[in-house]
Amino acid sequence: MSEQNVIGKGTWIDKLAFELIEREKSIGRKMDLLRVESGLGASG
């Protein structure tokens, strides 16, 4: 069985945030400011 890494508290939003940050780094975008929305009603 493969080893699993726990990011933050291991929730799906932590995994999503980690993947987003890694993608932004890989394409060379500045990481000075990252705006996010989550929770009830965050999508508008």
Protein backbone atom coordinates (compact mmCIF):
# COMPACT_ATOMS: atom_id res chain seq x y z
CA MET A 1 0.00 0.00 0.00
CA SER A 2 1.34 3.47 -0.88
CA GLU A 3 2.11 6.09 1.75
CA GLN A 4 -0.41 8.96 1.97
CA ASN A 5 0.47 12.52 2.93
CA VAL A 6 -2.00 14.52 5.02
CA ILE A 7 -2.21 18.20 4.08
CA GLY A 8 -3.64 20.49 6.75
CA LYS A 9 -6.47 18.63 8.46
CA GLY A 10 -6.82 16.32 5.49
CA THR A 11 -10.03 17.80 4.15
CA TRP A 12 -10.90 18.07 0.46
CA ILE A 13 -10.52 21.86 0.57
CA ASP A 14 -6.95 21.49 1.88
CA LYS A 15 -6.16 19.15 -1.01
CA LEU A 16 -7.73 21.52 -3.52
CA ALA A 17 -5.77 24.49 -2.13
CA PHE A 18 -2.51 22.53 -2.24
CA GLU A 19 -3.07 21.52 -5.87
CA LEU A 20 -4.00 25.08 -6.83
CA ILE A 21 -0.87 26.55 -5.23
CA GLU A 22 1.36 23.93 -6.86
CA ARG A 23 -0.21 24.68 -10.27
CA GLU A 24 0.25 28.43 -9.86
CA LYS A 25 3.92 27.92 -8.90
CA SER A 26 4.52 25.60 -11.87
CA ILE A 27 3.24 28.15 -14.39
CA GLY A 28 5.27 30.94 -12.79
CA ARG A 29 2.53 33.16 -11.40
CA LYS A 30 3.30 35.51 -8.52
CA MET A 31 2.22 34.16 -5.14
CA ASP A 32 2.19 37.51 -3.28
CA LEU A 33 -1.59 37.49 -3.03
CA LEU A 34 -4.00 34.62 -3.48
CA ARG A 35 -7.73 35.30 -3.08
CA VAL A 36 -10.09 32.46 -2.35
CA GLU A 37 -13.72 31.97 -1.39
CA SER A 38 -15.20 28.97 0.37
CA GLY A 39 -18.22 28.19 2.44
CA LEU A 40 -21.93 28.75 2.04
CA GLY A 41 -22.75 31.27 -0.65
CA ALA A 42 -19.16 31.75 -1.76
CA SER A 43 -20.00 30.97 -5.38
CA GLY A 44 -22.39 33.88 -5.58
